[in-house]
Amino acid sequence: MEKTQRKRISQETLDIINSIPILDLANVLGDHPKRVGKQYQIYCPNPDHHENTSDSYIEPNKNLFKCFGGGGCGAGGSNAFSYYYWHEYGRAYDKTNKEDRKNFPLVVTKIADLMGIQIQYDDGSYVQPSGTTSYVPRNPQPKELEPQSIKICDAVYRAFLSLCPVYKEHGLEWLQERKYSKEDITTIGLRSVPAEETLYSILKELIARSYPLDRVPGFSQRLIPDNIAAQYPAELIEKDNEGRGYWLWTISASKGYFIPVRDHNGYIVRLRVRRDEGNPKYIWFSSQDNTAIEKEKYRLRRNGVSSGAPINVVPPVSQIKTWEVGTDLSAIYKVDVVVATEGEHSAKRYSISA
């Protein structure tokens, strides 16, 4: 009896599947990528990843993904096929595994149908995408909150920084290692991330002055149990409408210092955090609202928004001193050369010497 030969998916189709941006596929799959700087955070689908933290990242510029969670799977890849396999099976594809090889055509077909791609076979036949799919995302895609206006963020950040301390170890770093003068430090606006007890006094003061913290990147409310609410200032907590505890205002940074990020009009639009320990060293002062996707109540955060990754405009420090906020830099300062640098300190050093 003659053995029937299975049709093979064409290399052209495989190339198209592999060229799909991982970020696009993650959105279609309902994985809720959360922008953090140049990358996007997601939760690991591995059922053995008990940490339940968003320690997996998508790097859209390089079309890569990787799970970094301490209790995670360590999976990673550089194409849509490997991402889909990880998403569905909770582990990396292994071409030496017989079951994985068997699943290969099925996975390609599912991706093609999800993304509306025609599948071509080596014998010249083809299959059109169905237009509808039986795949149901794990959760509805939540709509991200919009950040407050640039002017409000600027006002909140300036007031916040004015109340933040300068810890000795940071002051010594700025003066000795970074070679800033005390006047430079004041002008740039460098400040230490406050310790917890100091932080809550600062947040209490901001609220007393009627500064809005909601939807300002870096600030958010986290849900805490009833039995610890009394530890915090009454001005910072709010009873949860569903009786789950209290919402406490807090920030998304610890043990490090803030570097203000200005736009071309001199507004402080965001803050960068230089961490004392851990990698990466530099992160955005960014927050999130995860109430639509988080299952564990004491991991809930609300009224936070992503920082995005704005360009930091760094003129000479002498110009910052006289720069009236709201005035386009090009209107008052002749710019002959624009230098792109890798980090905030590099830009500051160049501007100081200019």
Protein backbone atom coordinates (compact mmCIF):
# COMPACT_ATOMS: atom_id res chain seq x y z
CA MET A 1 0.00 0.00 0.00
CA GLU A 2 1.41 3.38 -1.03
CA LYS A 3 2.17 5.73 1.87
CA THR A 4 0.48 9.16 1.69
CA GLN A 5 3.00 12.03 1.87
CA ARG A 6 2.07 14.99 4.07
CA LYS A 7 2.14 18.39 2.41
CA ARG A 8 4.93 20.64 3.58
CA ILE A 9 4.40 24.31 4.44
CA SER A 10 6.45 26.45 2.08
CA GLN A 11 9.58 28.24 3.24
CA GLU A 12 8.00 31.49 2.06
CA THR A 13 5.17 31.06 4.56
CA LEU A 14 7.61 30.18 7.34
CA ASP A 15 9.65 33.30 6.57
CA ILE A 16 6.51 35.44 6.80
CA ILE A 17 5.53 33.85 10.12
CA ASN A 18 9.00 34.38 11.55
CA SER A 19 9.02 38.04 10.47
CA ILE A 20 5.88 38.88 12.48
CA PRO A 21 6.80 41.35 15.25
CA ILE A 22 6.65 39.53 18.58
CA LEU A 23 5.00 42.56 20.17
CA ASP A 24 2.12 42.41 17.64
CA LEU A 25 1.57 38.73 18.33
CA ALA A 26 1.67 39.30 22.09
CA ASN A 27 -1.09 41.89 21.77
CA VAL A 28 -3.25 39.59 19.65
CA LEU A 29 -2.76 36.78 22.17
CA GLY A 30 -3.94 39.00 25.02
CA ASP A 31 -0.65 39.01 26.92
CA HIS A 32 -0.99 42.70 27.88
CA PRO A 33 2.54 43.98 27.15
CA LYS A 34 3.35 46.90 29.44
CA ARG A 35 5.81 49.46 28.12
CA VAL A 36 8.80 50.13 30.35
CA GLY A 37 11.35 52.29 28.55
CA LYS A 38 12.35 50.57 25.30
CA GLN A 39 11.00 47.21 26.43
CA TYR A 40 7.64 45.69 27.27
CA GLN A 41 6.92 43.62 30.38
CA ILE A 42 4.71 40.54 30.32
CA TYR A 43 3.84 37.68 32.65
CA CYS A 44 5.47 34.31 32.05
CA PRO A 45 2.95 31.65 30.91
CA ASN A 46 4.99 28.80 32.42
CA PRO A 47 2.70 27.06 34.97
CA ASP A 48 5.76 26.31 37.13
CA HIS A 49 6.70 29.99 37.36
CA HIS A 50 5.27 30.50 40.84
CA GLU A 51 6.52 34.05 41.34
CA ASN A 52 3.68 35.50 39.26
CA THR A 53 5.72 38.58 38.43
CA SER A 54 6.13 40.37 35.13
CA ASP A 55 9.81 39.46 34.79
CA SER A 56 9.54 38.55 31.11
CA TYR A 57 10.40 41.17 28.52
CA ILE A 58 9.87 41.88 24.83
CA GLU A 59 12.47 44.03 23.07
CA PRO A 60 10.62 45.23 19.94
CA ASN A 61 13.62 46.92 18.31
CA LYS A 62 15.48 43.58 18.22
CA ASN A 63 12.35 41.39 18.05
CA LEU A 64 13.43 39.36 21.09
CA PHE A 65 11.74 38.03 24.21
CA LYS A 66 13.20 36.60 27.41
CA CYS A 67 11.99 35.42 30.81
CA PHE A 68 14.27 36.62 33.64
CA GLY A 69 12.17 35.54 36.63
CA GLY A 70 14.14 33.78 39.35
CA GLY A 71 11.60 30.97 39.49
CA GLY A 72 10.83 31.12 35.78
CA CYS A 73 11.59 29.02 32.78
CA GLY A 74 14.35 31.14 31.28
CA ALA A 75 12.73 30.83 27.86
CA GLY A 76 13.64 33.25 25.10
CA GLY A 77 13.55 33.62 21.36
CA SER A 78 13.75 35.88 18.36
CA ASN A 79 10.68 35.09 16.26
CA ALA A 80 6.93 34.80 16.45
CA PHE A 81 6.96 30.99 16.30
CA SER A 82 9.12 30.62 19.42
CA TYR A 83 7.02 33.22 21.25
CA TYR A 84 3.74 31.47 20.40
CA TYR A 85 5.16 28.10 21.46
CA TRP A 86 6.27 29.56 24.80
CA HIS A 87 2.88 31.24 25.22
CA GLU A 88 0.91 28.02 24.60
CA TYR A 89 3.17 25.38 26.14
CA GLY A 90 5.03 27.39 28.81
CA ARG A 91 8.48 26.45 27.55
CA ALA A 92 10.90 26.96 24.69
CA TYR A 93 10.54 24.94 21.49
CA ASP A 94 12.95 21.99 21.30
CA LYS A 95 13.51 20.69 17.78
CA THR A 96 15.06 17.51 19.16
CA ASN A 97 11.80 16.70 20.95
CA LYS A 98 9.53 14.42 18.88
CA GLU A 99 6.34 15.93 20.27
CA ASP A 100 7.56 19.46 19.55
CA ARG A 101 8.36 18.55 15.95
CA LYS A 102 4.89 17.05 15.61
CA ASN A 103 3.33 20.30 16.88
CA PHE A 104 5.32 22.46 14.47
CA PRO A 105 2.80 22.57 11.54
CA LEU A 106 -0.10 23.09 13.95
CA VAL A 107 1.59 26.05 15.63
CA VAL A 108 2.41 27.66 12.26
CA THR A 109 -1.21 27.21 11.18
CA LYS A 110 -2.56 28.80 14.37
CA ILE A 111 -0.26 31.80 14.08
CA ALA A 112 -1.21 32.29 10.43
CA ASP A 113 -4.90 32.18 11.26
CA LEU A 114 -4.50 34.62 14.15
CA MET A 115 -2.56 37.11 12.04
CA GLY A 116 -4.57 36.69 8.81
CA ILE A 117 -1.75 35.11 6.78
CA GLN A 118 -2.30 32.79 3.81
CA ILE A 119 -0.54 29.42 4.16
CA GLN A 120 1.18 28.16 1.01
CA TYR A 121 2.40 24.59 0.52
CA ASP A 122 5.27 23.23 -1.54
CA ASP A 123 2.84 21.56 -3.97
CA GLY A 124 1.36 24.95 -4.93
CA SER A 125 -1.85 24.67 -2.90
CA TYR A 126 -2.77 27.20 -0.26
CA VAL A 127 -5.19 27.85 2.59
CA GLN A 128 -6.69 31.24 3.29
CA PRO A 129 -7.05 32.42 6.90
CA SER A 130 -10.53 31.76 8.20
CA GLY A 131 -11.15 35.37 9.14
CA THR A 132 -12.46 34.15 12.47
CA THR A 133 -10.57 32.16 15.06
CA SER A 134 -11.58 29.96 17.92
CA TYR A 135 -8.76 31.43 20.00
CA VAL A 136 -10.02 33.48 22.94
CA PRO A 137 -7.54 35.80 24.70
CA ARG A 138 -6.97 34.98 28.35
CA ASN A 139 -8.28 38.39 29.39
CA PRO A 140 -9.71 41.35 27.49
CA GLN A 141 -7.00 43.82 26.48
CA PRO A 142 -7.08 46.60 29.10
CA LYS A 143 -6.95 50.20 28.01
CA GLU A 144 -3.94 52.00 29.45
CA LEU A 145 -4.58 55.19 31.39
CA GLU A 146 -3.38 58.44 29.86
CA PRO A 147 -0.76 60.37 31.85
CA GLN A 148 -1.45 63.83 33.19
CA SER A 149 -0.47 66.78 31.00
CA ILE A 150 3.17 67.81 30.72
CA LYS A 151 2.53 70.92 32.81
CA ILE A 152 0.94 68.94 35.66
CA CYS A 153 3.72 66.33 35.61
CA ASP A 154 6.29 69.12 35.69
CA ALA A 155 4.62 70.78 38.69
CA VAL A 156 4.32 67.50 40.62
CA TYR A 157 7.90 66.41 39.88
CA ARG A 158 9.37 69.78 40.87
CA ALA A 159 7.45 69.81 44.16
CA PHE A 160 8.36 66.17 44.83
CA LEU A 161 12.07 66.68 44.14
CA SER A 162 12.18 69.80 46.33
CA LEU A 163 11.09 67.62 49.26
CA CYS A 164 13.39 64.67 48.53
CA PRO A 165 16.63 64.35 50.51
CA VAL A 166 20.23 64.15 49.34
CA TYR A 167 21.86 61.18 51.02
CA LYS A 168 25.56 61.31 51.78
CA GLU A 169 26.57 58.43 49.48
CA HIS A 170 24.84 60.06 46.51
CA GLY A 171 26.26 63.49 47.23
CA LEU A 172 29.77 62.03 47.32
CA GLU A 173 29.17 60.20 44.04
CA TRP A 174 27.98 63.35 42.29
CA LEU A 175 30.84 65.48 43.61
CA GLN A 176 33.75 63.04 43.45
CA GLU A 177 32.90 60.52 40.73
CA ARG A 178 30.61 62.56 38.47
CA LYS A 179 32.58 65.80 39.03
CA TYR A 180 29.51 67.99 39.52
CA SER A 181 29.72 71.14 41.60
CA LYS A 182 27.18 71.76 44.38
CA GLU A 183 25.61 74.40 42.16
CA ASP A 184 25.37 71.89 39.28
CA ILE A 185 23.57 69.41 41.55
CA THR A 186 21.04 72.02 42.60
CA THR A 187 20.50 73.28 39.04
CA ILE A 188 20.10 69.84 37.50
CA GLY A 189 17.76 68.77 40.30
CA LEU A 190 19.46 65.54 41.42
CA ARG A 191 17.82 64.06 44.50
CA SER A 192 17.93 60.77 46.40
CA VAL A 193 15.01 58.34 46.42
CA PRO A 194 13.62 58.81 49.94
CA ALA A 195 13.56 55.98 52.46
CA GLU A 196 10.09 54.67 53.30
CA GLU A 197 9.41 56.71 56.44
CA THR A 198 10.57 59.89 54.69
CA LEU A 199 8.63 59.03 51.55
CA TYR A 200 5.25 58.92 53.27
CA SER A 201 5.87 62.30 54.88
CA ILE A 202 6.67 63.71 51.43
CA LEU A 203 3.57 62.21 49.82
CA LYS A 204 1.46 63.53 52.69
CA GLU A 205 2.87 67.02 52.09
CA LEU A 206 2.18 66.83 48.33
CA ILE A 207 -1.43 65.85 48.94
CA ALA A 208 -1.79 68.61 51.54
CA ARG A 209 -0.63 71.08 48.86
CA SER A 210 -3.28 69.65 46.47
CA TYR A 211 -0.83 68.16 43.97
CA PRO A 212 -2.51 65.36 41.96
CA LEU A 213 -0.56 62.08 42.10
CA ASP A 214 -2.91 59.99 39.98
CA ARG A 215 -1.68 59.35 36.43
CA VAL A 216 1.71 60.94 37.09
CA PRO A 217 4.28 58.29 36.05
CA GLY A 218 6.00 56.74 39.05
CA PHE A 219 3.16 57.30 41.51
CA SER A 220 0.37 54.79 42.12
CA GLN A 221 -1.84 53.26 44.78
CA ARG A 222 -1.34 49.70 45.99
CA LEU A 223 -3.89 47.62 47.86
CA ILE A 224 -2.97 46.78 51.46
CA PRO A 225 -4.78 44.68 54.12
CA ASP A 226 -7.01 46.33 56.73
CA ASN A 227 -4.77 45.28 59.61
CA ILE A 228 -1.76 47.34 58.49
CA ALA A 229 -3.56 50.47 57.26
CA ALA A 230 -3.10 52.19 60.64
CA GLN A 231 0.69 52.20 60.06
CA TYR A 232 0.34 54.86 57.37
CA PRO A 233 -0.79 58.49 57.40
CA ALA A 234 -4.56 58.74 57.05
CA GLU A 235 -4.10 61.21 54.17
CA LEU A 236 -2.43 58.50 52.06
CA ILE A 237 -5.00 55.72 52.40
CA GLU A 238 -8.45 55.23 50.96
CA LYS A 239 -10.97 52.48 51.78
CA ASP A 240 -11.52 50.03 48.91
CA ASN A 241 -15.11 50.08 47.66
CA GLU A 242 -15.18 46.28 47.47
CA GLY A 243 -14.06 45.80 51.06
CA ARG A 244 -10.69 44.26 50.14
CA GLY A 245 -8.58 46.61 52.24
CA TYR A 246 -7.15 50.09 51.67
CA TRP A 247 -5.44 51.86 48.78
CA LEU A 248 -2.09 53.39 49.75
CA TRP A 249 -0.20 56.01 47.73
CA THR A 250 3.40 55.00 47.04
CA ILE A 251 6.13 55.23 44.39
CA SER A 252 7.86 52.74 42.12
CA ALA A 253 11.47 53.35 43.18
CA SER A 254 13.75 52.57 46.11
CA LYS A 255 17.47 52.82 46.96
CA GLY A 256 18.82 55.11 44.29
CA TYR A 257 18.48 58.66 43.03
CA PHE A 258 16.38 60.67 40.60
CA ILE A 259 17.59 62.39 37.43
CA PRO A 260 15.08 64.88 35.95
CA VAL A 261 14.28 64.48 32.23
CA ARG A 262 13.37 67.74 30.46
CA ASP A 263 11.74 68.39 27.10
CA HIS A 264 12.65 71.17 24.64
CA ASN A 265 10.45 73.62 26.57
CA GLY A 266 12.23 73.01 29.86
CA TYR A 267 9.42 71.04 31.50
CA ILE A 268 10.43 68.10 33.69
CA VAL A 269 8.35 65.52 31.86
CA ARG A 270 9.67 62.34 33.51
CA LEU A 271 12.25 61.08 36.01
CA ARG A 272 14.98 58.51 35.58
CA VAL A 273 16.14 56.41 38.52
CA ARG A 274 19.76 55.39 38.96
CA ARG A 275 19.53 52.36 41.24
CA ASP A 276 22.13 51.64 43.94
CA GLU A 277 22.00 47.93 43.12
CA GLY A 278 20.57 45.55 40.55
CA ASN A 279 20.43 45.57 36.76
CA PRO A 280 19.64 47.50 34.74
CA LYS A 281 21.21 50.37 36.65
CA TYR A 282 19.00 53.01 35.02
CA ILE A 283 15.23 52.62 34.92
CA TRP A 284 12.30 54.92 34.29
CA PHE A 285 10.25 56.24 37.20
CA SER A 286 7.19 54.46 35.86
CA SER A 287 4.03 52.89 37.24
CA GLN A 288 1.00 50.94 36.09
CA ASP A 289 -2.66 50.21 36.63
CA ASN A 290 -3.01 46.42 36.66
CA THR A 291 -6.54 46.17 38.05
CA ALA A 292 -7.82 44.63 34.80
CA ILE A 293 -5.38 41.72 34.75
CA GLU A 294 -3.96 41.04 38.23
CA LYS A 295 -5.46 38.08 40.10
CA GLU A 296 -3.79 38.42 43.51
CA LYS A 297 -5.41 41.31 45.34
CA TYR A 298 -2.35 42.47 47.24
CA ARG A 299 -0.44 42.86 43.97
CA LEU A 300 -3.06 45.27 42.69
CA ARG A 301 -1.97 48.75 41.60
CA ARG A 302 -4.19 51.54 40.34
CA ASN A 303 -3.96 55.11 39.00
CA GLY A 304 -0.42 54.54 37.72
CA VAL A 305 0.77 55.11 34.16
CA SER A 306 3.81 54.21 32.10
CA SER A 307 6.59 56.73 31.67
CA GLY A 308 7.19 55.90 28.03
CA ALA A 309 10.72 56.77 26.91
CA PRO A 310 10.91 60.51 26.13
CA ILE A 311 14.01 62.23 24.79
CA ASN A 312 16.00 64.08 27.44
CA VAL A 313 17.01 67.56 26.24
CA VAL A 314 20.17 68.63 28.08
CA PRO A 315 21.53 72.13 27.39
CA PRO A 316 24.55 73.52 29.26
CA VAL A 317 23.89 73.88 32.98
CA SER A 318 24.36 77.64 32.68
CA GLN A 319 21.38 77.67 30.33
CA ILE A 320 19.20 75.59 32.67
CA LYS A 321 19.71 78.26 35.36
CA THR A 322 18.12 80.97 33.20
CA TRP A 323 15.75 78.78 31.14
CA GLU A 324 12.20 79.95 31.71
CA VAL A 325 9.92 76.91 31.76
CA GLY A 326 7.59 76.90 28.77
CA THR A 327 10.05 78.62 26.43
CA ASP A 328 11.32 76.61 23.47
CA LEU A 329 15.08 76.25 23.88
CA SER A 330 15.71 77.06 20.21
CA ALA A 331 14.12 80.49 20.69
CA ILE A 332 16.69 81.58 23.26
CA TYR A 333 19.74 79.42 22.60
CA LYS A 334 21.49 78.93 19.30
CA VAL A 335 22.01 75.23 18.71
CA ASP A 336 24.77 74.39 16.25
CA VAL A 337 25.45 70.81 17.33
CA VAL A 338 23.20 68.16 18.87
CA VAL A 339 25.00 65.24 20.52
CA ALA A 340 23.21 61.94 21.19
CA THR A 341 24.58 60.24 24.31
CA GLU A 342 23.94 56.86 25.90
CA GLY A 343 22.97 58.03 29.38
CA GLU A 344 21.89 61.03 31.42
CA HIS A 345 25.23 61.49 33.15
CA SER A 346 27.09 61.49 29.83
CA ALA A 347 24.79 64.21 28.57
CA LYS A 348 25.18 66.23 31.77
CA ARG A 349 29.00 66.00 31.63
CA TYR A 350 29.01 67.18 28.04
CA SER A 351 26.65 70.07 28.79
CA ILE A 352 28.72 71.18 31.78
CA SER A 353 31.87 71.38 29.68
CA ALA A 354 30.07 73.15 26.81
